Amino acid sequence: MITEEQELDDLSLRDHNADEPNRLFNSEFYPHMTSLYNFAYRLSLNEDDAHDLLQETYEKALKSFRSYQANTHAKAWLFRIMKNSFINGYRRRSLSLKRWNLMKPNRGSCQKNNVFTKHQTCAMRFSEKCWAMK
C-alpha cells in the first residue's frame, strides 16, 4: 500500500525531472546572451533587429534542444544558429527586393509607350502604397 508521503515524493520527483531540461537550457545558454546580442548587433547594425535576431536564435535553440548534447560547446552552437538565421533572413529580404524591382516598371518608358493597361497601373500604385507603409 502506498502512503501519502510516497505519493508526494513521487510527484516531486516527476516535477524535478520535468524541470531538468529547463534548468539545463538556462544554465547552458543564458550565460552567452550578452555576447550573442553583441554579435547580432554587429550583423544587423540595428538594435531592434538585433533583439529580434537574439529572440529568434533562442527560440530555435529551444525547439531543437533535444538534439543538443549537454556539456558541449553551447556558445558555438548558438552562434551558428544565429549566423544561419541572419543569412536566411538576408536572403529572404533580398529576394523580395528583387521581385519588387522586377514588378516595378521604369516610369519614363511606360508613360511614353503606354505599355500598361489601366488595371496594371492601378495594381502598381496599390503595391507602391503597400511598400511605402512597410
N, C-alpha and C. Protein backbone atom coordinates (compact mmCIF):
# COMPACT_ATOMS: atom_id res chain seq x y z
N MET A 1 0.83 -1.17 0.00
CA MET A 1 0.00 0.00 0.00
C MET A 1 0.89 1.25 0.00
N ILE A 2 0.53 2.22 -0.83
CA ILE A 2 1.33 3.45 -0.97
C ILE A 2 0.81 4.49 0.01
N THR A 3 1.71 5.08 0.75
CA THR A 3 1.32 6.12 1.71
C THR A 3 1.31 7.48 1.02
N GLU A 4 0.76 8.47 1.72
CA GLU A 4 0.70 9.83 1.17
C GLU A 4 2.10 10.40 0.97
N GLU A 5 3.00 10.09 1.89
CA GLU A 5 4.37 10.59 1.76
C GLU A 5 5.04 10.05 0.51
N GLN A 6 4.82 8.77 0.20
CA GLN A 6 5.41 8.18 -1.00
C GLN A 6 4.83 8.82 -2.25
N GLU A 7 3.52 9.12 -2.23
CA GLU A 7 2.90 9.78 -3.38
C GLU A 7 3.49 11.17 -3.58
N LEU A 8 3.64 11.91 -2.49
CA LEU A 8 4.22 13.26 -2.58
C LEU A 8 5.66 13.21 -3.08
N ASP A 9 6.43 12.24 -2.59
CA ASP A 9 7.81 12.09 -3.05
C ASP A 9 7.85 11.75 -4.54
N ASP A 10 6.92 10.89 -4.96
CA ASP A 10 6.84 10.50 -6.37
C ASP A 10 6.48 11.71 -7.24
N LEU A 11 5.53 12.52 -6.78
CA LEU A 11 5.15 13.73 -7.52
C LEU A 11 6.30 14.73 -7.60
N SER A 12 7.00 14.91 -6.49
CA SER A 12 8.11 15.86 -6.51
C SER A 12 9.24 15.38 -7.41
N LEU A 13 9.45 14.07 -7.50
CA LEU A 13 10.46 13.54 -8.43
C LEU A 13 10.05 13.80 -9.88
N ARG A 14 8.76 13.64 -10.17
CA ARG A 14 8.28 13.91 -11.53
C ARG A 14 8.47 15.39 -11.88
N ASP A 15 8.10 16.26 -10.94
CA ASP A 15 8.28 17.70 -11.17
C ASP A 15 9.76 18.04 -11.33
N HIS A 16 10.59 17.42 -10.52
CA HIS A 16 12.03 17.66 -10.60
C HIS A 16 12.57 17.22 -11.96
N ASN A 17 12.13 16.07 -12.45
CA ASN A 17 12.59 15.59 -13.75
C ASN A 17 12.05 16.44 -14.89
N ALA A 18 10.85 16.97 -14.73
CA ALA A 18 10.27 17.83 -15.77
C ALA A 18 11.01 19.15 -15.85
N ASP A 19 11.53 19.64 -14.73
CA ASP A 19 12.26 20.91 -14.70
C ASP A 19 13.70 20.77 -15.18
N GLU A 20 14.19 19.56 -15.27
CA GLU A 20 15.60 19.33 -15.62
C GLU A 20 15.97 19.94 -16.99
N PRO A 21 15.17 19.72 -18.05
CA PRO A 21 15.54 20.35 -19.33
C PRO A 21 15.56 21.87 -19.25
N ASN A 22 14.62 22.46 -18.50
CA ASN A 22 14.60 23.93 -18.36
C ASN A 22 15.85 24.42 -17.65
N ARG A 23 16.22 23.72 -16.58
CA ARG A 23 17.42 24.13 -15.85
C ARG A 23 18.67 23.97 -16.72
N LEU A 24 18.72 22.88 -17.46
CA LEU A 24 19.87 22.65 -18.34
C LEU A 24 19.94 23.72 -19.42
N PHE A 25 18.79 24.03 -20.01
CA PHE A 25 18.75 25.07 -21.04
C PHE A 25 19.22 26.41 -20.46
N ASN A 26 18.69 26.76 -19.31
CA ASN A 26 19.07 28.04 -18.68
C ASN A 26 20.55 28.08 -18.32
N SER A 27 21.04 27.00 -17.75
CA SER A 27 22.44 27.01 -17.32
C SER A 27 23.42 26.97 -18.48
N GLU A 28 23.03 26.33 -19.59
CA GLU A 28 23.93 26.21 -20.74
C GLU A 28 23.89 27.44 -21.65
N PHE A 29 22.71 28.03 -21.84
CA PHE A 29 22.55 29.03 -22.90
C PHE A 29 22.45 30.47 -22.43
N TYR A 30 21.86 30.73 -21.27
CA TYR A 30 21.68 32.12 -20.86
C TYR A 30 22.98 32.86 -20.52
N PRO A 31 24.03 32.20 -20.09
CA PRO A 31 25.27 32.96 -19.85
C PRO A 31 25.86 33.60 -21.11
N HIS A 32 25.44 33.16 -22.28
CA HIS A 32 26.01 33.66 -23.54
C HIS A 32 25.15 34.75 -24.18
N MET A 33 24.12 35.19 -23.49
CA MET A 33 23.18 36.13 -24.08
C MET A 33 23.83 37.47 -24.45
N THR A 34 24.70 37.99 -23.63
CA THR A 34 25.33 39.28 -23.92
C THR A 34 26.22 39.20 -25.16
N SER A 35 27.04 38.17 -25.23
CA SER A 35 27.92 38.05 -26.40
C SER A 35 27.11 37.77 -27.66
N LEU A 36 26.01 37.05 -27.54
CA LEU A 36 25.14 36.82 -28.70
C LEU A 36 24.47 38.11 -29.15
N TYR A 37 24.04 38.92 -28.18
CA TYR A 37 23.44 40.20 -28.56
C TYR A 37 24.46 41.08 -29.29
N ASN A 38 25.68 41.13 -28.79
CA ASN A 38 26.71 41.93 -29.44
C ASN A 38 26.96 41.45 -30.87
N PHE A 39 26.98 40.14 -31.06
CA PHE A 39 27.16 39.58 -32.40
C PHE A 39 25.97 39.94 -33.30
N ALA A 40 24.76 39.84 -32.75
CA ALA A 40 23.56 40.18 -33.52
C ALA A 40 23.56 41.65 -33.92
N TYR A 41 24.04 42.50 -33.02
CA TYR A 41 24.10 43.93 -33.34
C TYR A 41 25.13 44.20 -34.43
N ARG A 42 26.26 43.51 -34.37
CA ARG A 42 27.28 43.68 -35.42
C ARG A 42 26.77 43.19 -36.76
N LEU A 43 25.95 42.15 -36.76
CA LEU A 43 25.40 41.66 -38.03
C LEU A 43 24.35 42.61 -38.59
N SER A 44 23.43 43.04 -37.74
CA SER A 44 22.28 43.80 -38.23
C SER A 44 22.47 45.32 -38.22
N LEU A 45 23.36 45.81 -37.37
CA LEU A 45 23.61 47.25 -37.22
C LEU A 45 22.35 48.02 -36.82
N ASN A 46 21.48 47.34 -36.07
CA ASN A 46 20.23 47.94 -35.64
C ASN A 46 19.81 47.26 -34.34
N GLU A 47 19.45 48.05 -33.33
CA GLU A 47 19.11 47.48 -32.02
C GLU A 47 17.89 46.58 -32.09
N ASP A 48 16.83 47.05 -32.75
CA ASP A 48 15.60 46.25 -32.82
C ASP A 48 15.83 44.95 -33.57
N ASP A 49 16.54 45.01 -34.68
CA ASP A 49 16.83 43.79 -35.43
C ASP A 49 17.72 42.85 -34.63
N ALA A 50 18.63 43.41 -33.85
CA ALA A 50 19.49 42.57 -33.01
C ALA A 50 18.67 41.84 -31.95
N HIS A 51 17.72 42.54 -31.34
CA HIS A 51 16.84 41.89 -30.36
C HIS A 51 16.00 40.80 -31.02
N ASP A 52 15.48 41.09 -32.21
CA ASP A 52 14.68 40.08 -32.93
C ASP A 52 15.52 38.86 -33.26
N LEU A 53 16.73 39.10 -33.71
CA LEU A 53 17.63 38.00 -34.07
C LEU A 53 17.99 37.17 -32.84
N LEU A 54 18.23 37.83 -31.72
CA LEU A 54 18.53 37.13 -30.48
C LEU A 54 17.34 36.27 -30.04
N GLN A 55 16.15 36.83 -30.13
CA GLN A 55 14.95 36.09 -29.74
C GLN A 55 14.74 34.89 -30.67
N GLU A 56 14.93 35.10 -31.95
CA GLU A 56 14.78 34.01 -32.92
C GLU A 56 15.80 32.90 -32.67
N THR A 57 17.01 33.29 -32.30
CA THR A 57 18.05 32.31 -32.02
C THR A 57 17.69 31.45 -30.82
N TYR A 58 17.25 32.07 -29.74
CA TYR A 58 16.89 31.31 -28.55
C TYR A 58 15.64 30.46 -28.79
N GLU A 59 14.74 30.96 -29.62
CA GLU A 59 13.55 30.19 -29.95
C GLU A 59 13.93 28.93 -30.73
N LYS A 60 14.81 29.07 -31.70
CA LYS A 60 15.25 27.91 -32.48
C LYS A 60 16.07 26.96 -31.62
N ALA A 61 16.87 27.50 -30.72
CA ALA A 61 17.65 26.64 -29.82
C ALA A 61 16.73 25.83 -28.91
N LEU A 62 15.68 26.47 -28.44
CA LEU A 62 14.74 25.76 -27.58
C LEU A 62 14.00 24.67 -28.34
N LYS A 63 13.62 24.97 -29.59
CA LYS A 63 12.92 23.97 -30.40
C LYS A 63 13.79 22.76 -30.69
N SER A 64 15.06 22.98 -30.92
CA SER A 64 15.95 21.87 -31.27
C SER A 64 16.84 21.46 -30.11
N PHE A 65 16.39 21.73 -28.89
CA PHE A 65 17.19 21.45 -27.71
C PHE A 65 17.41 19.95 -27.51
N ARG A 66 16.51 19.14 -28.00
CA ARG A 66 16.66 17.68 -27.85
C ARG A 66 17.89 17.16 -28.58
N SER A 67 18.27 17.82 -29.65
CA SER A 67 19.44 17.37 -30.41
C SER A 67 20.75 17.87 -29.81
N TYR A 68 20.66 18.77 -28.85
CA TYR A 68 21.86 19.32 -28.21
C TYR A 68 22.41 18.31 -27.21
N GLN A 69 23.72 18.13 -27.23
CA GLN A 69 24.38 17.24 -26.27
C GLN A 69 24.93 18.09 -25.13
N ALA A 70 24.55 17.74 -23.92
CA ALA A 70 24.94 18.52 -22.75
C ALA A 70 26.46 18.59 -22.60
N ASN A 71 26.91 19.69 -22.06
CA ASN A 71 28.33 19.96 -21.79
C ASN A 71 29.20 19.96 -23.04
N THR A 72 28.61 20.35 -24.17
CA THR A 72 29.40 20.57 -25.38
C THR A 72 29.50 22.08 -25.58
N HIS A 73 29.87 22.52 -26.73
CA HIS A 73 30.10 23.94 -26.98
C HIS A 73 28.78 24.66 -27.27
N ALA A 74 28.09 25.04 -26.21
CA ALA A 74 26.79 25.70 -26.34
C ALA A 74 26.93 27.05 -27.05
N LYS A 75 27.98 27.77 -26.74
CA LYS A 75 28.18 29.10 -27.33
C LYS A 75 28.36 28.98 -28.85
N ALA A 76 29.15 28.04 -29.28
CA ALA A 76 29.37 27.85 -30.72
C ALA A 76 28.07 27.43 -31.40
N TRP A 77 27.29 26.57 -30.73
CA TRP A 77 26.02 26.11 -31.29
C TRP A 77 25.07 27.29 -31.46
N LEU A 78 24.98 28.16 -30.45
CA LEU A 78 24.11 29.33 -30.54
C LEU A 78 24.57 30.32 -31.60
N PHE A 79 25.88 30.53 -31.69
CA PHE A 79 26.40 31.44 -32.71
C PHE A 79 26.10 30.92 -34.11
N ARG A 80 26.18 29.63 -34.30
CA ARG A 80 25.88 29.05 -35.62
C ARG A 80 24.40 29.21 -35.95
N ILE A 81 23.54 29.00 -34.97
CA ILE A 81 22.10 29.19 -35.19
C ILE A 81 21.83 30.64 -35.57
N MET A 82 22.47 31.58 -34.86
CA MET A 82 22.25 33.00 -35.13
C MET A 82 22.77 33.38 -36.52
N LYS A 83 23.93 32.91 -36.86
CA LYS A 83 24.51 33.24 -38.16
C LYS A 83 23.63 32.71 -39.29
N ASN A 84 23.17 31.47 -39.16
CA ASN A 84 22.30 30.89 -40.19
C ASN A 84 20.97 31.63 -40.27
N SER A 85 20.42 32.03 -39.13
CA SER A 85 19.16 32.78 -39.13
C SER A 85 19.34 34.13 -39.83
N PHE A 86 20.45 34.79 -39.56
CA PHE A 86 20.71 36.08 -40.20
C PHE A 86 20.86 35.90 -41.71
N ILE A 87 21.60 34.90 -42.13
CA ILE A 87 21.80 34.66 -43.57
C ILE A 87 20.48 34.34 -44.26
N ASN A 88 19.68 33.49 -43.63
CA ASN A 88 18.37 33.15 -44.22
C ASN A 88 17.47 34.38 -44.32
N GLY A 89 17.47 35.21 -43.29
CA GLY A 89 16.68 36.44 -43.34
C GLY A 89 17.17 37.40 -44.40
N TYR A 90 18.47 37.51 -44.54
CA TYR A 90 19.05 38.37 -45.56
C TYR A 90 18.65 37.89 -46.96
N ARG A 91 18.72 36.59 -47.17
CA ARG A 91 18.32 36.03 -48.48
C ARG A 91 16.85 36.30 -48.76
N ARG A 92 16.01 36.11 -47.75
CA ARG A 92 14.59 36.35 -47.91
C ARG A 92 14.32 37.80 -48.29
N ARG A 93 14.97 38.73 -47.58
CA ARG A 93 14.76 40.16 -47.87
C ARG A 93 15.28 40.52 -49.26
N SER A 94 16.44 40.01 -49.63
CA SER A 94 16.98 40.37 -50.94
C SER A 94 16.15 39.77 -52.06
N LEU A 95 15.58 38.58 -51.89
CA LEU A 95 14.71 38.01 -52.90
C LEU A 95 13.43 38.82 -53.05
N SER A 96 12.87 39.29 -51.94
CA SER A 96 11.66 40.09 -52.04
C SER A 96 11.95 41.43 -52.71
N LEU A 97 13.14 42.00 -52.47
CA LEU A 97 13.50 43.24 -53.15
C LEU A 97 13.70 43.01 -54.64
N LYS A 98 14.30 41.88 -55.00
CA LYS A 98 14.47 41.57 -56.43
C LYS A 98 13.11 41.42 -57.10
N ARG A 99 12.19 40.73 -56.44
CA ARG A 99 10.84 40.58 -57.00
C ARG A 99 10.19 41.95 -57.16
N TRP A 100 10.35 42.80 -56.16
CA TRP A 100 9.76 44.13 -56.21
C TRP A 100 10.35 44.93 -57.37
N ASN A 101 11.65 44.86 -57.56
CA ASN A 101 12.28 45.61 -58.65
C ASN A 101 11.86 45.07 -60.01
N LEU A 102 11.58 43.78 -60.11
CA LEU A 102 11.10 43.24 -61.38
C LEU A 102 9.67 43.69 -61.66
N MET A 103 8.86 43.82 -60.61
CA MET A 103 7.48 44.26 -60.78
C MET A 103 7.40 45.75 -61.05
N LYS A 104 8.31 46.50 -60.49
CA LYS A 104 8.27 47.96 -60.59
C LYS A 104 8.74 48.39 -61.98
N PRO A 105 7.90 49.03 -62.73
CA PRO A 105 8.29 49.43 -64.09
C PRO A 105 9.14 50.69 -64.09
N ASN A 106 9.82 50.90 -65.18
CA ASN A 106 10.52 52.14 -65.41
C ASN A 106 9.47 53.15 -65.86
N ARG A 107 9.19 54.13 -65.05
CA ARG A 107 8.06 55.03 -65.29
C ARG A 107 8.17 55.80 -66.61
N GLY A 108 9.35 56.22 -66.96
CA GLY A 108 9.50 57.01 -68.19
C GLY A 108 9.13 56.21 -69.42
N SER A 109 9.58 54.97 -69.51
CA SER A 109 9.29 54.18 -70.70
C SER A 109 7.83 53.77 -70.75
N CYS A 110 7.20 53.57 -69.61
CA CYS A 110 5.79 53.18 -69.60
C CYS A 110 4.91 54.34 -70.05
N GLN A 111 5.24 55.53 -69.58
CA GLN A 111 4.42 56.67 -69.94
C GLN A 111 4.58 57.03 -71.41
N LYS A 112 5.77 56.86 -71.94
CA LYS A 112 5.99 57.19 -73.35
C LYS A 112 5.29 56.21 -74.27
N ASN A 113 5.37 54.92 -73.95
CA ASN A 113 4.86 53.89 -74.84
C ASN A 113 3.45 53.43 -74.48
N ASN A 114 2.88 53.89 -73.36
CA ASN A 114 1.56 53.43 -72.90
C ASN A 114 1.46 51.91 -72.90
N VAL A 115 2.45 51.27 -72.34
CA VAL A 115 2.52 49.82 -72.33
C VAL A 115 1.50 49.22 -71.38
N PHE A 116 1.27 49.85 -70.24
CA PHE A 116 0.42 49.26 -69.21
C PHE A 116 -1.04 49.64 -69.41
N THR A 117 -1.89 48.69 -69.08
CA THR A 117 -3.33 48.96 -69.10
C THR A 117 -3.70 49.68 -67.81
N LYS A 118 -4.95 50.11 -67.72
CA LYS A 118 -5.40 50.79 -66.51
C LYS A 118 -5.29 49.88 -65.29
N HIS A 119 -5.62 48.61 -65.46
CA HIS A 119 -5.57 47.66 -64.34
C HIS A 119 -4.14 47.47 -63.83
N GLN A 120 -3.21 47.38 -64.74
CA GLN A 120 -1.82 47.20 -64.34
C GLN A 120 -1.30 48.43 -63.63
N THR A 121 -1.67 49.61 -64.09
CA THR A 121 -1.24 50.85 -63.46
C THR A 121 -1.84 50.95 -62.06
N CYS A 122 -3.11 50.58 -61.92
CA CYS A 122 -3.77 50.61 -60.62
C CYS A 122 -3.08 49.63 -59.65
N ALA A 123 -2.74 48.45 -60.15
CA ALA A 123 -2.06 47.45 -59.32
C ALA A 123 -0.69 47.96 -58.88
N MET A 124 0.02 48.65 -59.79
CA MET A 124 1.34 49.18 -59.43
C MET A 124 1.21 50.24 -58.34
N ARG A 125 0.23 51.13 -58.46
CA ARG A 125 0.06 52.17 -57.44
C ARG A 125 -0.27 51.55 -56.09
N PHE A 126 -1.15 50.54 -56.10
CA PHE A 126 -1.50 49.86 -54.86
C PHE A 126 -0.28 49.20 -54.22
N SER A 127 0.54 48.51 -55.02
CA SER A 127 1.72 47.85 -54.45
C SER A 127 2.73 48.88 -53.95
N GLU A 128 2.83 50.03 -54.61
CA GLU A 128 3.73 51.08 -54.15
C GLU A 128 3.28 51.64 -52.81
N LYS A 129 1.94 51.80 -52.63
CA LYS A 129 1.43 52.28 -51.35
C LYS A 129 1.70 51.27 -50.25
N CYS A 130 1.49 50.00 -50.55
CA CYS A 130 1.76 48.95 -49.56
C CYS A 130 3.24 48.93 -49.20
N TRP A 131 4.08 49.10 -50.20
CA TRP A 131 5.53 49.08 -49.95
C TRP A 131 5.94 50.27 -49.09
N ALA A 132 5.32 51.44 -49.33
CA ALA A 132 5.65 52.64 -48.57
C ALA A 132 5.22 52.52 -47.11
N MET A 133 4.16 51.72 -46.84
CA MET A 133 3.68 51.56 -45.47
C MET A 133 4.59 50.64 -44.66
N LYS A 134 5.40 49.81 -45.31
CA LYS A 134 6.26 48.87 -44.57
C LYS A 134 7.44 49.56 -43.96
